Each structure stands twice: as C-alpha cells, then as structure tokens.
Amino acid sequence: MRGTDERTGSLFSYVDLEARVRSDHPLRPIRALVKEALAGLERDFAALYSSVGRPSIPPERLLRAMLLQAFYSIRSERQLMERLDFDLLFRWFVGLGIDDPTWDHSIFSKNRDRLLEGDIAARFLSAVLAQPRVKRLLSSEHFSVDGTLIEAWASMKSFKPKDGSGPPGDPPSSGGRNAEADFRGEKRSNETHASTTDPDARLYRKGPGMEAKLAFLGHALMENRSGLLVDACLTRVSGHAERIAALAMIEAHADRPRPITLGADRGYDAEDFVNELRSMNVRPHVAQNLARRRGGSAIDRRTTRHPGYAASQRIRKRIEEGFGWMKAVAGLDRPKLRGVDRVGWAFTFAAAAYNLVRLPKLLAGAT
C-alpha cells in the first residue's frame, strides 16, 4: 500500500532530545568536557552579572552555542540562530528544550560581548586543560611556540593618513560606498597612516615579495606530548611581537627546578630572545637562522648536539595544525570582529575549541 504524502500535526509532542542524539555521537564527550569546564567558571560568570534585573541568556549557553559556531564553520550569529531553531542536535548541545524559543541574533551578540569584560576565553581554555583526565595528557617540560597572521576585518581603502589629508587623485565623493582607488606611487606606513575601520590593525608584510595587509598577530604555546594549545594571545603586529609574546607565555611554565625546552622556528633566532630564555631556565630549541648576515645564529653546537633539539624541531611544526584548523574551520582566517581585544578573545576561544575537538580521541587512546 502506498503511503500518503500528507502531513498531519499532532496535539502533543514527546520528543526526548537526549534519545535523539546517538550514544556514540562525537559531540557527547565534548559536551561532558565543556560541562565540567563551565562548572569551574561559576564565580567568574557571577562577577559579570548584576543580582537584579531581567534574566539574560545564561553564559553557559552562550559559550556552548559559540563552540558550535566554531565546530560547524557557521559564518554569522544570524545563521547560528537559524540553525539553532531547527537543529535538534544543536538544541541538545546548547541546552535548549524542543519548545524553547531561540534568541534574536542581535540580543545574542550583545550578551556575548559581555563575556569580553571578564576574559572568559582565556579562563575557559585553562578550565578545559585543568581537568584531571586532561592534565595527564599534557607535558610540563617540553613546549613549542609560533605566531600566525590574522587578517583584520578592514579594507585597505580604510588605511588613510592620520592627519586627515587624502592622497592626490582621490575619487570624487559621488563614487559610492566602494569607490575606486589607485594606490600606485603612494607611500604608506603605520607611522603616517591608520585604518579608519579598525584603528588597532597594522599594515604588515609576512615576507619579502608578499603583499602587505591590515592584520594582527596571533600567538600560541603548545605542549609537545599531545600537541594541545596551552596558551594563546593576540597582539598588534611588530618586528618583535612574536618574541615578546613567547616570553610572556612561557614564563608561567618556567618556574620549575628542572629546565624546560621551547621549540620555535628561525624567526625566533635572536640573541636577546635566546639569552632571556636561558635566564628563565628554558632551553632554547630554536631553529638556526644561518642566512643571517650579522653575527650568525644565536643557537650554537652546545644546543643542537642534543637529541632533544632534533625532537623539538620535528614536533614544533604540529602547532601549524592548530592554526590551520582555527583559520579554515573556526573562521579565524579573517574574523568578522574589530579591535585587538575582540579579535584576541575570538582567537583564544578558537584555541580552546581546537583542543576540545582533539581531546575525545586523545582521552580514548589514553585509557
């Protein structure tokens, strides 16, 4: 007998979201890790909210929804709310019932911005790593550091002289919002120009012959045993930003009676950086920059002769996997945020999301 294509509504619904999500779904172990981490942030959340007034979106649900946005490469809050409205899996992960209404995308964004005030992203990253079963996976002696370019959400046309004067040949005002511009022959630098869209962004060229972009620099510290990111931050671009950030991140792990190691690429091969690491009881497993014209490499034979140096140079490249995931999947190739604080928050939160994606398999292999 042929079935009918007509849909009949029912008066009552008895949908159990817990039963709809299969027992071996990849999000189940991630949700358990997130639940434990968020429980440890209870006091931090309480400090951000007033004890009077109308209830807002619970911060736990905000963060779980933002994790889904990173996991599934959802480009905007509007699309996230649309997906949350019909996707039972999303509702289960966030903690919404089948009949609970979703939020307006603008309300969601305003509530999310409150989390910036409490530096919740960095604390969430630490809370995930502080769980006893996760902590057993981490190395406390061997680390790697690297930086990556994060393109700013600002057009090159917004990079204008600080004194307000425009270059000769500016298009007329009737050219519309996206009028044509010719930068040929114009000299622009961070000293004389700034972006009107994102003043925190700086013009930066990653290498010789490459185009300059308005960007930030993201920095991450990885432990070498499991390849998890244990620290992350974002700064304005400069010639010394990577080394300064590396020293700040490794300092928290250097307070040990035994020396630790720090692997890095040849961009960190500077005498002042290497000497500063040694003064902190950190062995600099930095790649040698043999092409340097003045003074040569700061890493000599007393470091490179050890087998651990070769191991650090091999493992340090795994940090690029984290950067690749954060950019290709979590949307950090060009985040739709402005300002070093907002972009930095998103960068650190994406590092926590990357760890959560990898942790279920790591934990399963450790049992």
Protein backbone atom coordinates (compact mmCIF):
# COMPACT_ATOMS: atom_id res chain seq x y z
CA MET A 1 0.00 0.00 0.00
CA ARG A 2 1.34 3.37 -0.94
CA GLY A 3 1.89 5.78 1.93
CA THR A 4 0.34 9.21 1.87
CA ASP A 5 2.44 12.38 1.47
CA GLU A 6 0.07 14.42 3.62
CA ARG A 7 1.42 15.67 6.93
CA THR A 8 -0.86 15.63 9.93
CA GLY A 9 0.00 17.59 13.04
CA SER A 10 -0.32 16.12 16.50
CA LEU A 11 -1.71 17.81 19.56
CA PHE A 12 1.17 16.80 21.83
CA SER A 13 4.86 16.14 21.24
CA TYR A 14 7.03 13.82 23.30
CA VAL A 15 10.43 14.38 21.70
CA ASP A 16 13.29 13.49 24.03
CA LEU A 17 16.40 15.29 22.76
CA GLU A 18 18.67 13.04 24.80
CA ALA A 19 17.28 9.99 22.99
CA ARG A 20 17.56 11.65 19.58
CA VAL A 21 21.37 12.04 19.86
CA ARG A 22 23.04 8.69 19.34
CA SER A 23 25.24 7.40 22.13
CA ASP A 24 28.45 7.44 20.07
CA HIS A 25 28.00 10.93 18.63
CA PRO A 26 31.31 12.91 18.65
CA LEU A 27 29.68 15.83 20.47
CA ARG A 28 28.82 13.73 23.54
CA PRO A 29 32.36 13.54 25.03
CA ILE A 30 32.94 17.18 24.05
CA ARG A 31 29.80 18.26 25.88
CA ALA A 32 30.94 16.41 29.00
CA LEU A 33 34.29 18.22 28.90
CA VAL A 34 32.57 21.56 28.36
CA LYS A 35 30.13 20.96 31.22
CA GLU A 36 32.96 20.29 33.66
CA ALA A 37 34.94 23.31 32.49
CA LEU A 38 31.95 25.66 32.74
CA ALA A 39 31.22 24.45 36.27
CA GLY A 40 34.63 25.74 37.30
CA LEU A 41 33.82 29.20 35.93
CA GLU A 42 30.76 29.76 38.10
CA ARG A 43 32.34 32.57 40.14
CA ASP A 44 33.69 34.29 37.04
CA PHE A 45 30.22 34.31 35.50
CA ALA A 46 28.62 35.61 38.69
CA ALA A 47 31.02 38.58 38.75
CA LEU A 48 29.87 39.69 35.28
CA TYR A 49 26.14 39.89 36.05
CA SER A 50 24.04 42.01 38.37
CA SER A 51 21.89 40.36 41.01
CA VAL A 52 18.86 42.43 39.96
CA GLY A 53 17.10 42.95 36.66
CA ARG A 54 15.73 40.66 33.98
CA PRO A 55 17.47 37.33 33.39
CA SER A 56 19.78 37.34 30.39
CA ILE A 57 20.98 34.49 28.20
CA PRO A 58 22.90 32.13 30.50
CA PRO A 59 26.65 32.46 29.78
CA GLU A 60 26.98 28.68 29.69
CA ARG A 61 24.54 28.51 26.78
CA LEU A 62 26.28 31.41 25.08
CA LEU A 63 29.62 29.62 25.15
CA ARG A 64 28.18 26.28 24.05
CA ALA A 65 26.47 27.99 21.11
CA MET A 66 29.72 29.74 20.17
CA LEU A 67 31.52 26.40 20.26
CA LEU A 68 29.02 25.04 17.72
CA GLN A 69 29.67 28.10 15.58
CA ALA A 70 33.37 27.19 15.56
CA PHE A 71 32.87 23.43 15.10
CA TYR A 72 30.50 23.78 12.14
CA SER A 73 32.03 26.87 10.46
CA ILE A 74 28.89 28.99 10.86
CA ARG A 75 29.69 32.42 9.48
CA SER A 76 27.39 34.69 11.49
CA GLU A 77 25.22 34.90 14.59
CA ARG A 78 22.14 35.20 12.37
CA GLN A 79 22.91 31.85 10.71
CA LEU A 80 23.70 30.33 14.11
CA MET A 81 20.27 31.30 15.45
CA GLU A 82 18.57 29.92 12.34
CA ARG A 83 20.40 26.61 12.74
CA LEU A 84 19.60 26.51 16.43
CA ASP A 85 15.92 26.96 15.65
CA PHE A 86 15.52 23.73 13.68
CA ASP A 87 18.51 21.52 14.50
CA LEU A 88 17.76 19.13 17.38
CA LEU A 89 21.45 18.32 17.80
CA PHE A 90 22.27 21.99 18.29
CA ARG A 91 19.45 22.40 20.80
CA TRP A 92 20.68 19.41 22.78
CA PHE A 93 24.28 20.65 22.88
CA VAL A 94 23.35 24.21 23.90
CA GLY A 95 20.80 23.07 26.47
CA LEU A 96 17.54 24.27 24.89
CA GLY A 97 14.36 22.23 25.05
CA ILE A 98 12.38 21.32 21.97
CA ASP A 99 9.80 24.04 22.71
CA ASP A 100 12.20 26.71 23.99
CA PRO A 101 12.38 29.79 21.74
CA THR A 102 15.71 30.79 20.23
CA TRP A 103 17.19 34.24 20.67
CA ASP A 104 17.34 37.15 18.30
CA HIS A 105 20.79 37.35 16.74
CA SER A 106 21.33 40.94 17.94
CA ILE A 107 20.46 40.01 21.54
CA PHE A 108 22.82 37.05 21.31
CA SER A 109 25.65 39.32 20.10
CA LYS A 110 25.08 41.87 22.87
CA ASN A 111 25.12 39.18 25.55
CA ARG A 112 28.24 37.65 24.00
CA ASP A 113 30.06 40.97 24.21
CA ARG A 114 29.65 40.95 28.00
CA LEU A 115 31.94 37.93 28.19
CA LEU A 116 34.77 40.06 26.77
CA GLU A 117 34.89 42.01 30.02
CA GLY A 118 35.80 39.00 32.12
CA ASP A 119 38.48 37.49 29.87
CA ILE A 120 36.33 34.36 29.83
CA ALA A 121 38.02 32.86 26.74
CA ALA A 122 41.41 32.50 28.46
CA ARG A 123 39.81 31.15 31.63
CA PHE A 124 37.73 28.68 29.63
CA LEU A 125 40.88 27.45 27.88
CA SER A 126 42.58 26.97 31.27
CA ALA A 127 39.49 25.27 32.74
CA VAL A 128 39.44 22.69 29.95
CA LEU A 129 43.11 21.88 30.44
CA ALA A 130 42.86 21.81 34.25
CA GLN A 131 40.57 18.78 34.33
CA PRO A 132 42.46 15.83 35.88
CA ARG A 133 41.95 13.45 32.96
CA VAL A 134 43.12 16.15 30.51
CA LYS A 135 46.04 17.25 32.65
CA ARG A 136 47.54 13.76 32.44
CA LEU A 137 47.90 14.22 28.69
CA LEU A 138 49.98 17.41 28.95
CA SER A 139 53.73 17.78 29.05
CA SER A 140 55.06 20.17 31.68
CA GLU A 141 58.63 20.22 30.34
CA HIS A 142 58.55 20.49 26.54
CA PHE A 143 56.77 23.25 24.61
CA SER A 144 56.64 24.89 21.19
CA VAL A 145 55.68 28.43 20.21
CA ASP A 146 54.72 30.11 16.97
CA GLY A 147 52.74 33.02 15.55
CA THR A 148 50.33 33.42 12.68
CA LEU A 149 48.92 36.33 10.72
CA ILE A 150 45.25 37.15 11.37
CA GLU A 151 43.84 39.41 8.68
CA ALA A 152 41.80 42.33 10.01
CA TRP A 153 38.16 42.94 9.08
CA ALA A 154 39.09 46.19 7.35
CA SER A 155 39.65 47.24 3.76
CA MET A 156 42.93 48.65 2.51
CA LYS A 157 40.90 51.66 1.39
CA SER A 158 40.33 52.48 5.06
CA PHE A 159 44.10 52.91 5.58
CA LYS A 160 44.29 56.69 5.37
CA PRO A 161 46.67 59.44 6.53
CA LYS A 162 46.42 60.23 10.23
CA ASP A 163 46.39 63.97 9.56
CA GLY A 164 43.22 63.65 7.50
CA SER A 165 44.74 64.61 4.19
CA GLY A 166 43.98 62.29 1.30
CA PRO A 167 46.44 61.27 -1.43
CA PRO A 168 46.33 63.09 -4.74
CA GLY A 169 43.80 61.75 -7.20
CA ASP A 170 41.21 60.67 -4.62
CA PRO A 171 37.94 59.65 -6.31
CA PRO A 172 35.06 62.08 -6.02
CA SER A 173 32.50 61.68 -3.28
CA SER A 174 29.94 60.58 -5.88
CA GLY A 175 31.81 57.32 -6.35
CA GLY A 176 29.57 55.47 -3.89
CA ARG A 177 30.48 53.41 -0.84
CA ASN A 178 33.09 51.38 -2.67
CA ALA A 179 34.66 53.95 -4.97
CA GLU A 180 37.73 53.02 -6.98
CA ALA A 181 41.13 53.90 -5.52
CA ASP A 182 44.62 53.87 -7.03
CA PHE A 183 47.49 53.44 -4.54
CA ARG A 184 50.24 53.35 -7.15
CA GLY A 185 53.16 55.56 -6.16
CA GLU A 186 51.72 56.31 -2.73
CA LYS A 187 53.93 55.65 0.28
CA ARG A 188 52.01 54.32 3.25
CA SER A 189 53.28 53.20 6.64
CA ASN A 190 51.96 52.59 10.14
CA GLU A 191 53.65 55.78 11.31
CA THR A 192 51.73 58.05 8.95
CA HIS A 193 48.55 56.07 8.22
CA ALA A 194 45.88 54.24 10.20
CA SER A 195 42.72 52.32 9.39
CA THR A 196 39.51 54.24 9.96
CA THR A 197 37.62 50.95 10.21
CA ASP A 198 39.86 49.21 12.76
CA PRO A 199 42.49 51.54 14.26
CA ASP A 200 44.14 48.62 16.09
CA ALA A 201 45.05 46.89 12.81
CA ARG A 202 48.52 47.47 11.39
CA LEU A 203 49.95 47.13 7.90
CA TYR A 204 52.15 44.03 7.82
CA ARG A 205 54.06 42.01 5.23
CA LYS A 206 54.80 38.44 6.25
CA GLY A 207 57.79 38.00 3.95
CA PRO A 208 59.77 39.61 1.14
CA GLY A 209 57.78 39.93 -2.06
CA MET A 210 54.44 39.31 -0.32
CA GLU A 211 51.63 41.82 -0.24
CA ALA A 212 51.10 43.93 2.87
CA LYS A 213 47.79 43.50 4.72
CA LEU A 214 46.00 45.07 7.64
CA ALA A 215 46.41 42.40 10.25
CA PHE A 216 47.11 41.22 13.79
CA LEU A 217 49.49 38.56 15.05
CA GLY A 218 48.12 35.53 16.87
CA HIS A 219 50.47 33.61 19.17
CA ALA A 220 50.09 30.13 20.64
CA LEU A 221 52.05 27.94 23.04
CA MET A 222 51.78 24.17 22.51
CA GLU A 223 52.85 21.35 24.79
CA ASN A 224 54.76 18.72 22.87
CA ARG A 225 53.33 15.46 24.26
CA SER A 226 49.79 15.65 22.83
CA GLY A 227 50.03 18.79 20.71
CA LEU A 228 47.42 20.74 22.68
CA LEU A 229 47.45 24.53 22.86
CA VAL A 230 48.05 25.59 26.46
CA ASP A 231 48.09 29.36 25.91
CA ALA A 232 47.08 31.81 23.20
CA CYS A 233 47.04 35.57 22.75
CA LEU A 234 46.83 38.19 20.03
CA THR A 235 48.83 41.40 19.60
CA ARG A 236 49.33 44.23 17.16
CA VAL A 237 51.94 43.45 14.54
CA SER A 238 55.55 44.49 15.00
CA GLY A 239 59.00 43.08 14.37
CA HIS A 240 59.35 41.92 17.97
CA ALA A 241 55.76 40.92 18.78
CA GLU A 242 56.30 37.17 18.36
CA ARG A 243 59.31 37.02 20.65
CA ILE A 244 57.74 39.23 23.32
CA ALA A 245 54.56 37.13 23.34
CA ALA A 246 56.59 33.91 23.51
CA LEU A 247 58.46 35.10 26.60
CA ALA A 248 55.22 36.11 28.30
CA MET A 249 53.54 32.77 27.60
CA ILE A 250 56.47 30.53 28.60
CA GLU A 251 57.17 32.44 31.81
CA ALA A 252 54.20 30.84 33.57
CA HIS A 253 55.66 27.36 32.89
CA ALA A 254 59.31 28.15 33.63
CA ASP A 255 59.04 28.17 37.43
CA ARG A 256 60.43 24.67 37.83
CA PRO A 257 63.58 23.24 39.43
CA ARG A 258 64.43 21.43 36.19
CA PRO A 259 64.92 23.27 32.89
CA ILE A 260 62.21 23.09 30.22
CA THR A 261 62.54 23.32 26.44
CA LEU A 262 60.93 25.66 23.96
CA GLY A 263 60.90 24.85 20.25
CA ALA A 264 60.46 27.59 17.67
CA ASP A 265 61.23 28.42 14.04
CA ARG A 266 64.15 30.52 12.87
CA GLY A 267 62.18 33.74 13.21
CA TYR A 268 62.87 33.48 16.95
CA ASP A 269 66.62 33.12 16.44
CA ALA A 270 67.67 36.40 18.08
CA GLU A 271 70.41 36.78 20.66
CA ASP A 272 68.34 38.78 23.13
CA PHE A 273 65.47 36.28 22.96
CA VAL A 274 67.77 33.27 23.40
CA ASN A 275 69.58 34.86 26.34
CA GLU A 276 66.29 35.76 28.00
CA LEU A 277 65.10 32.16 27.73
CA ARG A 278 68.30 30.87 29.30
CA SER A 279 67.96 33.31 32.18
CA MET A 280 64.49 31.81 32.79
CA ASN A 281 65.94 28.26 32.89
CA VAL A 282 64.42 27.48 29.47
CA ARG A 283 66.50 25.66 26.86
CA PRO A 284 66.03 27.45 23.52
CA HIS A 285 65.35 24.75 20.91
CA VAL A 286 65.11 27.39 18.19
CA ALA A 287 65.82 26.67 14.54
CA GLN A 288 69.08 28.20 13.37
CA ASN A 289 68.87 31.15 11.02
CA LEU A 290 72.08 30.51 9.09
CA ALA A 291 71.19 33.09 6.45
CA ARG A 292 71.57 35.98 8.87
CA ARG A 293 74.23 38.39 7.72
CA ARG A 294 75.21 39.90 11.03
CA GLY A 295 76.52 37.71 13.83
CA GLY A 296 75.09 34.44 12.53
CA SER A 297 72.81 32.22 14.58
CA ALA A 298 72.39 32.63 18.34
CA ILE A 299 71.98 28.84 18.64
CA ASP A 300 75.32 27.06 18.81
CA ARG A 301 76.57 23.49 18.93
CA ARG A 302 76.01 23.10 22.67
CA THR A 303 72.26 23.17 21.95
CA THR A 304 71.98 21.43 18.58
CA ARG A 305 74.10 18.41 19.59
CA HIS A 306 71.42 17.06 21.92
CA PRO A 307 68.83 14.56 20.53
CA GLY A 308 66.11 16.58 22.25
CA TYR A 309 66.81 19.52 19.96
CA ALA A 310 66.05 17.45 16.87
CA ALA A 311 62.87 16.12 18.52
CA SER A 312 61.71 19.66 19.35
CA GLN A 313 62.32 20.78 15.78
CA ARG A 314 60.27 17.89 14.47
CA ILE A 315 57.34 18.29 16.88
CA ARG A 316 57.10 22.10 16.84
CA LYS A 317 55.58 22.01 13.34
CA ARG A 318 52.41 20.46 14.74
CA ILE A 319 51.37 23.87 16.02
CA GLU A 320 50.58 24.74 12.40
CA GLU A 321 47.79 22.14 12.53
CA GLY A 322 46.10 24.21 15.23
CA PHE A 323 46.48 27.43 13.26
CA GLY A 324 45.14 25.72 10.14
CA TRP A 325 42.03 24.43 11.95
CA MET A 326 41.37 27.78 13.61
CA LYS A 327 41.51 29.57 10.26
CA ALA A 328 39.87 27.05 7.93
CA VAL A 329 37.16 25.74 10.26
CA ALA A 330 36.67 28.22 13.11
CA GLY A 331 36.69 31.29 10.85
CA LEU A 332 39.89 32.93 12.10
CA ASP A 333 41.27 33.45 8.60
CA ARG A 334 39.52 36.84 8.70
CA PRO A 335 37.30 37.13 11.77
CA LYS A 336 34.32 39.46 11.48
CA LEU A 337 35.36 41.40 14.57
CA ARG A 338 37.27 44.62 15.08
CA GLY A 339 39.75 45.70 17.73
CA VAL A 340 42.63 43.81 19.29
CA ASP A 341 40.54 42.84 22.35
CA ARG A 342 37.64 41.34 20.41
CA VAL A 343 39.79 39.55 17.84
CA GLY A 344 42.08 38.33 20.63
CA TRP A 345 39.09 36.93 22.53
CA ALA A 346 37.96 35.03 19.43
CA PHE A 347 41.49 33.73 18.82
CA THR A 348 41.84 32.34 22.35
CA PHE A 349 38.35 30.84 22.25
CA ALA A 350 39.15 29.15 18.93
CA ALA A 351 42.25 27.63 20.56
CA ALA A 352 40.02 26.13 23.26
CA ALA A 353 37.63 24.80 20.58
CA TYR A 354 40.56 23.18 18.76
CA ASN A 355 41.60 21.39 21.94
CA LEU A 356 38.04 20.15 22.51
CA VAL A 357 37.89 18.68 19.01
CA ARG A 358 41.08 16.68 19.60
CA LEU A 359 40.54 15.65 23.21
CA PRO A 360 38.00 12.79 22.75
CA LYS A 361 40.42 10.72 20.66
CA LEU A 362 43.34 11.56 22.94
CA LEU A 363 41.37 10.54 26.02
CA ALA A 364 40.18 7.35 24.34
CA GLY A 365 43.76 6.43 23.45
CA ALA A 366 44.95 7.07 27.00
CA THR A 367 42.52 4.60 28.57
